[in-house]
Amino acid sequence: MLAMNEEVALAQSLIRIFSPSGAESRATVLFVSALKDLGFDEAYLDEAGNAVGILRAGKGPSLMFNGHLDTVPLGDEDEWIHPPLSGIVSQGRLWGRGACDMKSAVACMAYAAIDARNRGFKGTLIVTGVVLEEVGGLGSYHAAETLRPDLVILGEPSKLSLKLGHRGRVELHGVVPGRNAHAARAELGLNAISRAADFLNKLEGLALPKGGPLQRSSATPTRIVSFPDGSTNVVPGSVEITIDYRNIPGDEPEDILNRIGMLDDDIVWSIPVVESVTENSKVRLRTSKTISPYLAPGENIAVNRAREAIKVGMSSKNIEFKEGVWWFCTDAPQLSRFGAPVIGFGPGEEELAHTTKESISVEHLIIARQIYADLACALLGAP
């Protein structure tokens, strides 16, 4: 049997490699090397630069363990308790950028897959360490299209609880019109900031769709810029507003644009279009800045089996089973494009992701490795 601390060592190695979105190759190459050393039947970098490991055990369904190896930037390094690329273990926690989000979970998945093979399963078990999750999910988009798994376990941090979905995100950009004038004769102009303030007050009272497990949509202004930019003695002739809109199923982008637009007919709203490109420039994807909401079928056979496996595993550790939804977006919409249910379970506290306090409990990693192996055996069955 493999020692139960080897997943921590692999997580440390991954954390010590800086791998921001679009520059993940050093981390993915290291992970593929680890998969080969573990004895995966196949271990390679796909066209998008994702790390892929495959274990085959005869005919049967295919299950994908999915996590991402890209991270957000390090932030202010002076604010970290331990250096962000140290991968140090202190007071029972592993520290560094990617510790929680989510290199540690990917390391656990690699070792759990081997544990599951040793216990026995029937079918195909895939482990993917994908790229570009933090900037739109091109890595998972490509992995879903090329690998077509029947089921997916997504290891985003969840405090070891079952997660079955999340709200979507629509980025809205609005241009508020005005008219320039010298600030000393403001009455000659039309202040776009004042008009933007009127709009934002109306937005506060706007009724938004609600209902279901994802509760309700929300609209949060996150940026406002006046033009001409940098001038402090000019009545602004226009203002750009950015809104982070989180939507529940059924609240579609077109409906959102219409609803927001009704608050002021003269504000022009749009959803930006961006192009994602892999580090090797081989795969590109042009999309609007939207992420669809995702909700797994609650009574699906696979979901029920996963729920039971997690319950049993958590009970063996005297930890209460919990179930819910993530409050942030994930790659689940990309991974489910071809009908595969996406079931969430991961070590770590979501609130620490993207912060200078990012760390994860070593105990969580040990438990996650066990539960991931339990899930593989439950979902792929006995040989």
Protein backbone atom coordinates (compact mmCIF):
# COMPACT_ATOMS: atom_id res chain seq x y z
CA MET A 1 0.00 0.00 0.00
CA LEU A 2 1.08 3.57 -0.71
CA ALA A 3 1.92 5.70 2.31
CA MET A 4 -0.93 8.07 3.16
CA ASN A 5 1.33 11.16 3.22
CA GLU A 6 2.58 10.90 -0.36
CA GLU A 7 -0.30 13.04 -1.60
CA VAL A 8 0.98 15.85 0.63
CA ALA A 9 4.47 15.58 -0.86
CA LEU A 10 3.07 15.78 -4.40
CA ALA A 11 0.92 18.76 -3.43
CA GLN A 12 4.02 20.48 -2.04
CA SER A 13 5.90 19.94 -5.28
CA LEU A 14 3.04 21.41 -7.29
CA ILE A 15 2.65 24.43 -5.00
CA ARG A 16 6.36 25.24 -5.35
CA ILE A 17 5.84 25.80 -9.08
CA PHE A 18 4.27 29.16 -9.93
CA SER A 19 1.59 28.33 -12.51
CA PRO A 20 -0.69 31.31 -13.19
CA SER A 21 -3.37 30.86 -15.84
CA GLY A 22 -1.76 30.58 -19.25
CA ALA A 23 1.64 29.55 -17.85
CA GLU A 24 0.94 26.14 -16.33
CA SER A 25 3.30 23.92 -18.31
CA ARG A 26 5.90 23.37 -15.59
CA ALA A 27 3.17 22.17 -13.21
CA THR A 28 1.40 19.98 -15.77
CA VAL A 29 4.69 18.37 -16.86
CA LEU A 30 5.54 17.58 -13.23
CA PHE A 31 2.07 16.10 -12.68
CA VAL A 32 2.31 13.90 -15.78
CA SER A 33 5.68 12.66 -14.54
CA ALA A 34 4.08 11.79 -11.19
CA LEU A 35 1.27 9.91 -12.94
CA LYS A 36 3.81 7.88 -14.90
CA ASP A 37 5.74 7.07 -11.75
CA LEU A 38 2.52 5.89 -10.11
CA GLY A 39 1.92 3.43 -12.93
CA PHE A 40 -1.01 4.92 -14.84
CA ASP A 41 -1.74 3.05 -18.07
CA GLU A 42 -1.57 6.34 -19.96
CA ALA A 43 -0.15 9.68 -18.82
CA TYR A 44 0.27 12.58 -21.21
CA LEU A 45 -0.29 16.24 -22.00
CA ASP A 46 -3.23 16.73 -24.34
CA GLU A 47 -3.39 19.34 -27.11
CA ALA A 48 -4.57 22.03 -24.67
CA GLY A 49 -1.74 21.30 -22.24
CA ASN A 50 -3.93 19.50 -19.70
CA ALA A 51 -2.30 16.71 -17.70
CA VAL A 52 -4.20 13.45 -18.26
CA GLY A 53 -3.79 10.08 -16.56
CA ILE A 54 -5.89 7.01 -17.42
CA LEU A 55 -6.38 3.69 -15.65
CA ARG A 56 -8.26 1.00 -17.57
CA ALA A 57 -9.96 -2.01 -15.99
CA GLY A 58 -12.05 -3.66 -18.68
CA LYS A 59 -15.46 -2.65 -19.97
CA GLY A 60 -17.56 -0.29 -17.93
CA PRO A 61 -18.32 3.40 -17.44
CA SER A 62 -15.69 6.12 -17.37
CA LEU A 63 -15.20 8.37 -14.35
CA MET A 64 -13.13 11.55 -14.44
CA PHE A 65 -11.44 13.09 -11.41
CA ASN A 66 -11.04 16.75 -12.37
CA GLY A 67 -9.10 19.64 -10.89
CA HIS A 68 -7.11 22.58 -12.17
CA LEU A 69 -3.41 23.33 -11.91
CA ASP A 70 -3.53 27.03 -12.77
CA THR A 71 -3.71 29.59 -9.98
CA VAL A 72 -4.46 33.25 -9.49
CA PRO A 73 -1.46 35.61 -8.98
CA LEU A 74 0.45 35.50 -5.70
CA GLY A 75 -0.79 38.83 -4.36
CA ASP A 76 1.28 40.91 -1.94
CA GLU A 77 3.96 38.46 -0.81
CA ASP A 78 4.59 40.51 2.35
CA GLU A 79 1.08 39.66 3.55
CA TRP A 80 1.67 35.89 3.52
CA ILE A 81 2.41 34.18 6.83
CA HIS A 82 4.61 31.75 4.87
CA PRO A 83 6.05 32.43 1.40
CA PRO A 84 3.41 31.65 -1.26
CA LEU A 85 5.63 29.18 -3.13
CA SER A 86 7.11 27.51 -0.06
CA GLY A 87 4.71 24.57 0.18
CA ILE A 88 5.59 24.49 3.86
CA VAL A 89 3.63 22.39 6.38
CA SER A 90 3.11 24.29 9.62
CA GLN A 91 0.71 23.60 12.49
CA GLY A 92 -0.99 20.83 10.53
CA ARG A 93 -1.62 22.95 7.43
CA LEU A 94 -0.02 23.06 3.99
CA TRP A 95 0.62 26.66 2.87
CA GLY A 96 0.96 28.35 -0.48
CA ARG A 97 -0.78 29.53 -3.62
CA GLY A 98 -2.82 26.61 -4.94
CA ALA A 99 -2.85 24.74 -1.63
CA CYS A 100 -6.61 25.12 -1.33
CA ASP A 101 -7.48 26.06 -4.91
CA MET A 102 -6.67 23.38 -5.89
CA LYS A 103 -3.38 21.61 -6.43
CA SER A 104 -3.76 19.60 -3.23
CA ALA A 105 -7.02 18.03 -4.39
CA VAL A 106 -5.43 17.07 -7.72
CA ALA A 107 -2.58 15.38 -5.84
CA CYS A 108 -5.10 13.46 -3.70
CA MET A 109 -6.96 12.34 -6.82
CA ALA A 110 -3.81 10.86 -8.36
CA TYR A 111 -3.08 8.68 -5.35
CA ALA A 112 -6.75 7.86 -4.79
CA ALA A 113 -6.97 6.52 -8.34
CA ILE A 114 -4.15 4.06 -7.60
CA ASP A 115 -5.82 3.13 -4.29
CA ALA A 116 -9.03 2.40 -6.20
CA ARG A 117 -7.19 0.26 -8.73
CA ASN A 118 -5.66 -1.75 -5.90
CA ARG A 119 -9.12 -2.28 -4.39
CA GLY A 120 -10.62 -3.13 -7.77
CA PHE A 121 -13.07 -1.42 -10.11
CA LYS A 122 -14.56 -2.02 -13.54
CA GLY A 123 -14.29 0.61 -16.24
CA THR A 124 -12.02 3.58 -16.89
CA LEU A 125 -10.74 6.06 -14.31
CA ILE A 126 -9.34 9.36 -15.62
CA VAL A 127 -7.44 11.98 -13.65
CA THR A 128 -7.14 15.45 -15.20
CA GLY A 129 -5.12 18.42 -14.03
CA VAL A 130 -6.46 21.11 -16.34
CA VAL A 131 -5.33 24.57 -17.36
CA LEU A 132 -7.05 27.97 -17.59
CA GLU A 133 -9.81 27.30 -15.06
CA GLU A 134 -9.39 30.70 -13.43
CA VAL A 135 -9.98 32.52 -16.72
CA GLY A 136 -12.94 30.77 -18.33
CA GLY A 137 -12.35 27.02 -18.25
CA LEU A 138 -10.84 26.28 -21.67
CA GLY A 139 -8.89 23.33 -20.22
CA SER A 140 -11.98 21.54 -18.93
CA TYR A 141 -13.91 22.49 -22.06
CA HIS A 142 -11.29 20.65 -24.14
CA ALA A 143 -11.01 17.71 -21.72
CA ALA A 144 -14.77 17.12 -21.77
CA GLU A 145 -14.84 17.20 -25.55
CA THR A 146 -11.91 14.84 -26.08
CA LEU A 147 -12.40 12.38 -23.20
CA ARG A 148 -16.23 12.28 -22.92
CA PRO A 149 -16.49 10.84 -19.38
CA ASP A 150 -19.74 9.34 -18.15
CA LEU A 151 -19.31 10.90 -14.69
CA VAL A 152 -17.13 13.63 -13.19
CA ILE A 153 -15.90 14.23 -9.65
CA LEU A 154 -14.83 17.87 -9.34
CA GLY A 155 -12.44 18.56 -6.48
CA GLU A 156 -12.94 22.28 -5.86
CA PRO A 157 -12.71 23.11 -2.13
CA SER A 158 -15.90 22.24 -0.26
CA LYS A 159 -14.83 21.56 3.35
CA LEU A 160 -15.27 17.84 2.54
CA SER A 161 -18.97 18.28 1.80
CA LEU A 162 -20.97 17.15 -1.22
CA LYS A 163 -21.62 19.97 -3.70
CA LEU A 164 -24.16 19.67 -6.48
CA GLY A 165 -23.94 22.96 -8.31
CA HIS A 166 -23.56 26.71 -8.28
CA ARG A 167 -24.98 29.89 -9.75
CA GLY A 168 -23.73 31.18 -13.07
CA ARG A 169 -22.00 34.46 -13.81
CA VAL A 170 -22.68 37.12 -16.43
CA GLU A 171 -20.32 40.10 -16.68
CA LEU A 172 -22.25 43.19 -17.74
CA HIS A 173 -20.65 46.38 -19.08
CA GLY A 174 -22.76 49.52 -19.30
CA VAL A 175 -21.98 52.92 -20.82
CA VAL A 176 -23.79 55.81 -19.13
CA PRO A 177 -24.09 58.88 -21.38
CA GLY A 178 -23.48 62.47 -20.28
CA ARG A 179 -22.07 65.72 -21.63
CA ASN A 180 -18.67 67.25 -20.91
CA ALA A 181 -18.31 70.70 -19.44
CA HIS A 182 -15.84 72.60 -17.28
CA ALA A 183 -16.47 71.71 -13.65
CA ALA A 184 -16.67 75.43 -12.81
CA ARG A 185 -19.71 75.68 -15.11
CA ALA A 186 -21.22 72.24 -14.39
CA GLU A 187 -24.67 73.44 -15.43
CA LEU A 188 -23.45 73.46 -19.05
CA GLY A 189 -22.87 69.73 -18.96
CA LEU A 190 -24.70 66.55 -18.01
CA ASN A 191 -22.85 64.67 -15.27
CA ALA A 192 -22.69 60.99 -16.17
CA ILE A 193 -21.67 60.15 -12.58
CA SER A 194 -24.95 61.56 -11.25
CA ARG A 195 -26.86 59.53 -13.80
CA ALA A 196 -24.88 56.42 -12.89
CA ALA A 197 -25.72 57.02 -9.22
CA ASP A 198 -29.43 57.17 -10.08
CA PHE A 199 -29.10 53.88 -11.93
CA LEU A 200 -27.27 52.20 -9.05
CA ASN A 201 -29.97 53.29 -6.62
CA LYS A 202 -32.60 51.70 -8.87
CA LEU A 203 -30.49 48.55 -9.17
CA GLU A 204 -30.54 48.15 -5.37
CA GLY A 205 -34.33 47.80 -5.45
CA LEU A 206 -34.59 45.63 -8.57
CA ALA A 207 -36.50 42.37 -8.04
CA LEU A 208 -34.44 39.46 -9.31
CA PRO A 209 -35.42 35.83 -10.00
CA LYS A 210 -35.38 33.48 -7.04
CA GLY A 211 -36.24 29.91 -6.16
CA GLY A 212 -34.71 26.43 -6.10
CA PRO A 213 -31.52 25.13 -4.52
CA LEU A 214 -29.47 28.05 -5.89
CA GLN A 215 -31.85 30.47 -4.14
CA ARG A 216 -31.72 33.71 -6.16
CA SER A 217 -29.87 35.79 -8.72
CA SER A 218 -27.82 38.80 -7.62
CA ALA A 219 -26.38 41.93 -9.26
CA THR A 220 -23.27 43.51 -7.73
CA PRO A 221 -21.62 46.64 -9.18
CA THR A 222 -17.87 46.01 -9.07
CA ARG A 223 -16.30 48.81 -11.11
CA ILE A 224 -17.11 52.36 -12.22
CA VAL A 225 -14.87 54.56 -14.40
CA SER A 226 -15.60 58.10 -15.58
CA PHE A 227 -14.38 59.71 -18.80
CA PRO A 228 -12.31 61.61 -19.62
CA ASP A 229 -10.24 59.39 -17.34
CA GLY A 230 -7.81 61.24 -15.08
CA SER A 231 -9.45 64.66 -15.40
CA THR A 232 -10.61 66.10 -12.10
CA ASN A 233 -11.95 69.46 -13.31
CA VAL A 234 -14.24 68.20 -16.08
CA VAL A 235 -17.87 67.12 -15.86
CA PRO A 236 -17.71 63.47 -17.01
CA GLY A 237 -19.19 62.90 -20.44
CA SER A 238 -19.63 59.17 -19.86
CA VAL A 239 -19.26 56.50 -17.22
CA GLU A 240 -18.59 52.78 -17.63
CA ILE A 241 -20.17 50.46 -15.06
CA THR A 242 -19.30 46.79 -14.58
CA ILE A 243 -21.80 44.48 -12.87
CA ASP A 244 -21.04 40.99 -11.62
CA TYR A 245 -24.38 39.25 -12.12
CA ARG A 246 -24.88 35.79 -10.60
CA ASN A 247 -27.77 33.90 -12.19
CA ILE A 248 -29.86 30.89 -11.30
CA PRO A 249 -31.16 28.41 -13.91
CA GLY A 250 -33.74 30.00 -16.19
CA ASP A 251 -32.33 33.52 -15.75
CA GLU A 252 -30.75 33.79 -19.19
CA PRO A 253 -28.27 36.45 -20.38
CA GLU A 254 -30.79 37.99 -22.83
CA ASP A 255 -33.36 38.30 -20.03
CA ILE A 256 -30.73 39.83 -17.76
CA LEU A 257 -29.78 42.48 -20.34
CA ASN A 258 -33.44 43.38 -20.84
CA ARG A 259 -34.12 43.58 -17.10
CA ILE A 260 -31.11 45.76 -16.37
CA GLY A 261 -31.77 47.90 -19.45
CA MET A 262 -35.26 48.82 -18.28
CA LEU A 263 -33.78 50.83 -15.40
CA ASP A 264 -32.44 53.48 -17.83
CA ASP A 265 -33.18 53.26 -21.54
CA ASP A 266 -30.16 55.38 -22.49
CA ILE A 267 -27.50 53.20 -20.85
CA VAL A 268 -26.02 50.82 -23.41
CA TRP A 269 -25.32 47.34 -22.00
CA SER A 270 -23.20 44.53 -23.40
CA ILE A 271 -21.54 41.29 -22.41
CA PRO A 272 -17.84 41.30 -23.38
CA VAL A 273 -16.44 38.63 -25.67
CA VAL A 274 -13.00 37.22 -24.92
CA GLU A 275 -10.66 34.71 -26.53
CA SER A 276 -8.84 32.14 -24.41
CA VAL A 277 -5.59 30.69 -25.74
CA THR A 278 -3.58 27.84 -24.27
CA GLU A 279 0.08 28.33 -23.38
CA ASN A 280 1.14 26.32 -26.45
CA SER A 281 -1.24 28.36 -28.68
CA LYS A 282 -2.76 25.14 -30.07
CA VAL A 283 -6.28 25.56 -28.67
CA ARG A 284 -8.38 28.72 -28.74
CA LEU A 285 -11.91 29.45 -27.62
CA ARG A 286 -13.87 32.65 -28.21
CA THR A 287 -16.74 33.11 -25.76
CA SER A 288 -18.78 35.75 -24.00
CA LYS A 289 -17.87 36.46 -20.38
CA THR A 290 -20.55 34.18 -19.04
CA ILE A 291 -20.55 30.98 -17.00
CA SER A 292 -23.76 28.98 -16.99
CA PRO A 293 -25.37 27.96 -13.71
CA TYR A 294 -25.05 24.27 -12.96
CA LEU A 295 -27.22 21.96 -10.88
CA ALA A 296 -26.66 18.21 -10.77
CA PRO A 297 -29.74 16.00 -10.79
CA GLY A 298 -30.34 15.42 -7.08
CA GLU A 299 -31.82 11.93 -7.41
CA ASN A 300 -29.61 10.64 -10.20
CA ILE A 301 -28.32 7.08 -9.56
CA ALA A 302 -24.70 8.22 -9.69
CA VAL A 303 -25.40 11.15 -7.38
CA ASN A 304 -27.13 8.84 -4.91
CA ARG A 305 -24.20 6.42 -4.94
CA ALA A 306 -21.75 9.26 -4.44
CA ARG A 307 -23.84 10.69 -1.60
CA GLU A 308 -23.87 7.33 0.16
CA ALA A 309 -20.14 6.74 -0.34
CA ILE A 310 -19.32 10.17 1.11
CA LYS A 311 -21.71 9.61 4.03
CA VAL A 312 -20.08 6.30 4.92
CA GLY A 313 -16.56 7.67 4.53
CA MET A 314 -17.23 10.75 6.63
CA SER A 315 -18.97 8.67 9.29
CA SER A 316 -15.87 6.49 9.59
CA LYS A 317 -13.97 9.69 10.50
CA ASN A 318 -16.71 10.87 12.89
CA ILE A 319 -17.38 13.88 10.66
CA GLU A 320 -20.90 15.08 9.95
CA PHE A 321 -22.03 14.67 6.32
CA LYS A 322 -23.08 17.91 4.66
CA GLU A 323 -24.58 18.65 1.25
CA GLY A 324 -25.13 21.91 -0.60
CA VAL A 325 -23.99 24.08 -3.47
CA TRP A 326 -20.89 26.20 -4.08
CA TRP A 327 -21.22 29.98 -3.78
CA PHE A 328 -18.62 30.47 -6.56
CA CYS A 329 -18.40 29.29 -10.16
CA THR A 330 -16.52 26.17 -11.28
CA ASP A 331 -15.79 24.23 -14.47
CA ALA A 332 -18.91 22.11 -13.94
CA PRO A 333 -20.79 23.69 -16.91
CA GLN A 334 -17.91 22.87 -19.26
CA LEU A 335 -17.49 19.35 -17.88
CA SER A 336 -21.21 18.54 -18.16
CA ARG A 337 -21.60 19.66 -21.80
CA PHE A 338 -22.05 16.11 -23.06
CA GLY A 339 -24.40 14.95 -20.32
CA ALA A 340 -22.01 13.77 -17.60
CA PRO A 341 -23.27 14.55 -14.09
CA VAL A 342 -20.68 16.60 -12.16
CA ILE A 343 -20.41 15.83 -8.46
CA GLY A 344 -18.41 18.15 -6.23
CA PHE A 345 -16.25 17.11 -3.29
CA GLY A 346 -12.99 18.65 -2.20
CA PRO A 347 -10.69 19.33 0.73
CA GLY A 348 -10.12 22.84 2.01
CA GLU A 349 -12.06 25.95 2.95
CA GLU A 350 -13.40 27.89 -0.02
CA GLU A 351 -13.01 31.21 1.80
CA LEU A 352 -9.19 30.92 1.75
CA ALA A 353 -8.95 30.60 -2.05
CA HIS A 354 -7.38 33.60 -3.84
CA THR A 355 -6.22 35.11 -0.52
CA THR A 356 -2.81 35.58 1.11
CA LYS A 357 -3.99 33.17 3.81
CA GLU A 358 -4.35 30.24 1.42
CA SER A 359 -3.63 26.96 3.18
CA ILE A 360 -5.23 23.58 3.71
CA SER A 361 -5.48 21.06 6.51
CA VAL A 362 -3.22 18.05 6.01
CA GLU A 363 -5.92 15.97 7.66
CA HIS A 364 -8.33 17.09 4.92
CA LEU A 365 -5.94 15.74 2.31
CA ILE A 366 -5.70 12.35 3.95
CA ILE A 367 -9.49 12.12 4.23
CA ALA A 368 -10.04 13.37 0.67
CA ARG A 369 -7.72 10.72 -0.73
CA GLN A 370 -9.75 8.02 1.02
CA ILE A 371 -13.11 9.44 -0.08
CA TYR A 372 -12.00 9.84 -3.69
CA ALA A 373 -11.00 6.16 -3.75
CA ASP A 374 -14.34 5.26 -2.16
CA LEU A 375 -16.15 7.27 -4.83
CA ALA A 376 -14.27 5.56 -7.65
CA CYS A 377 -15.11 2.11 -6.34
CA ALA A 378 -18.76 3.04 -5.67
CA LEU A 379 -19.30 4.63 -9.07
CA LEU A 380 -17.32 2.15 -11.18
CA GLY A 381 -18.32 -0.92 -9.22
CA ALA A 382 -16.51 -4.16 -8.51
CA PRO A 383 -14.76 -6.13 -11.27
